[in-house]
Amino acid sequence: MEFKKELKQIIKESSLERVDKQIWDSFAEVVSEREIEPVLELIKENPEMLNLITENLKRKFKIMQEKDEKAMDKIIEEEKKQLGENS
C-alpha cells in the first residue's frame, strides 16, 4: 500500500499551482496511508475531484489558522454533501 506515493505522483503531474501542490504535500505528511486511500480513489474515479478537494483543503488550512470551529464544522458538512453527490 503506497497510496501516499501514488497521490504525490498524481499531484506532481497535475496542473495545480505550486502553492496548491505544497498544500497537498503538507496534507500527505500528516495523514496515514489508510486516510489517503479514499481520497486517492475519489481522484482516480473523477479527476475533477482534485480541484474540489484542493479548494476544501485550502479553506480548512485557513480556518485552522483562524481557529474557527463553527466554520470548520460548516466546511465538513459541505464536504460530506459534495462527496456524497460525486461518489
Protein backbone atom coordinates (compact mmCIF):
# COMPACT_ATOMS: atom_id res chain seq x y z
CA MET A 1 0.00 0.00 0.00
CA GLU A 2 1.78 3.05 -1.26
CA PHE A 3 -1.19 5.36 -1.55
CA LYS A 4 0.80 8.41 -0.47
CA LYS A 5 3.38 7.79 -3.16
CA GLU A 6 0.69 7.40 -5.81
CA LEU A 7 -1.16 10.51 -4.64
CA LYS A 8 2.06 12.53 -4.64
CA GLN A 9 2.73 11.44 -8.22
CA ILE A 10 -0.77 12.49 -9.32
CA ILE A 11 -0.31 15.86 -7.62
CA LYS A 12 3.14 16.33 -9.13
CA GLU A 13 1.80 15.66 -12.65
CA SER A 14 -1.32 17.79 -12.16
CA SER A 15 -1.84 21.31 -13.41
CA LEU A 16 -2.29 22.64 -9.87
CA GLU A 17 -0.43 25.77 -8.88
CA ARG A 18 2.82 25.23 -6.99
CA VAL A 19 1.32 26.53 -3.74
CA ASP A 20 -1.59 24.08 -4.06
CA LYS A 21 0.86 21.24 -4.61
CA GLN A 22 2.61 22.30 -1.41
CA ILE A 23 -0.70 22.12 0.44
CA TRP A 24 -1.11 18.55 -0.78
CA ASP A 25 2.43 17.74 0.36
CA SER A 26 1.58 19.06 3.83
CA PHE A 27 -1.64 17.06 3.86
CA ALA A 28 0.15 13.86 2.85
CA GLU A 29 2.65 14.31 5.66
CA VAL A 30 0.04 14.35 8.40
CA VAL A 31 -2.38 11.66 7.28
CA SER A 32 -1.99 7.91 7.23
CA GLU A 33 -1.99 5.58 4.24
CA ARG A 34 -5.45 4.42 5.34
CA GLU A 35 -6.73 8.00 5.27
CA ILE A 36 -5.15 8.70 1.88
CA GLU A 37 -6.75 5.69 0.19
CA PRO A 38 -10.34 7.03 -0.13
CA VAL A 39 -9.08 10.44 -1.26
CA LEU A 40 -6.91 8.80 -3.89
CA GLU A 41 -9.79 6.62 -5.08
CA LEU A 42 -12.07 9.65 -5.46
CA ILE A 43 -9.47 11.47 -7.53
CA LYS A 44 -8.79 8.43 -9.69
CA GLU A 45 -12.52 7.90 -10.32
CA ASN A 46 -13.13 11.56 -11.10
CA PRO A 47 -10.09 13.78 -11.77
CA GLU A 48 -12.22 16.91 -11.20
CA MET A 49 -12.34 15.91 -7.54
CA LEU A 50 -8.71 17.01 -7.27
CA ASN A 51 -9.76 20.64 -7.72
CA LEU A 52 -12.70 20.33 -5.34
CA ILE A 53 -10.65 18.66 -2.63
CA THR A 54 -7.83 21.17 -3.13
CA GLU A 55 -10.22 24.06 -2.53
CA ASN A 56 -11.58 22.33 0.58
CA LEU A 57 -8.06 21.77 1.91
CA LYS A 58 -7.17 25.41 1.38
CA ARG A 59 -10.31 26.52 3.22
CA LYS A 60 -9.58 24.11 6.07
CA PHE A 61 -5.99 25.30 6.48
CA LYS A 62 -7.18 28.91 6.61
CA ILE A 63 -9.86 28.12 9.17
CA MET A 64 -7.39 26.17 11.31
CA GLN A 65 -5.19 29.26 11.42
CA GLU A 66 -8.19 31.33 12.47
CA LYS A 67 -9.31 28.68 14.99
CA ASP A 68 -12.92 29.00 13.85
CA GLU A 69 -14.61 25.75 14.89
CA LYS A 70 -18.04 26.72 13.53
CA ALA A 71 -16.60 27.46 10.10
CA MET A 72 -14.75 24.13 10.16
CA ASP A 73 -17.94 22.27 11.02
CA LYS A 74 -19.68 24.02 8.13
CA ILE A 75 -16.95 23.03 5.66
CA ILE A 76 -17.05 19.43 6.83
CA GLU A 77 -20.83 19.31 6.33
CA GLU A 78 -20.50 20.86 2.86
CA GLU A 79 -17.78 18.37 2.01
CA LYS A 80 -19.94 15.43 3.07
CA LYS A 81 -22.67 16.63 0.73
CA GLN A 82 -20.23 17.21 -2.15
CA LEU A 83 -18.59 13.84 -1.74
CA GLY A 84 -21.94 12.11 -1.40
CA GLU A 85 -23.06 13.62 -4.69
CA ASN A 86 -19.82 12.74 -6.50
CA SER A 87 -19.23 9.21 -5.27
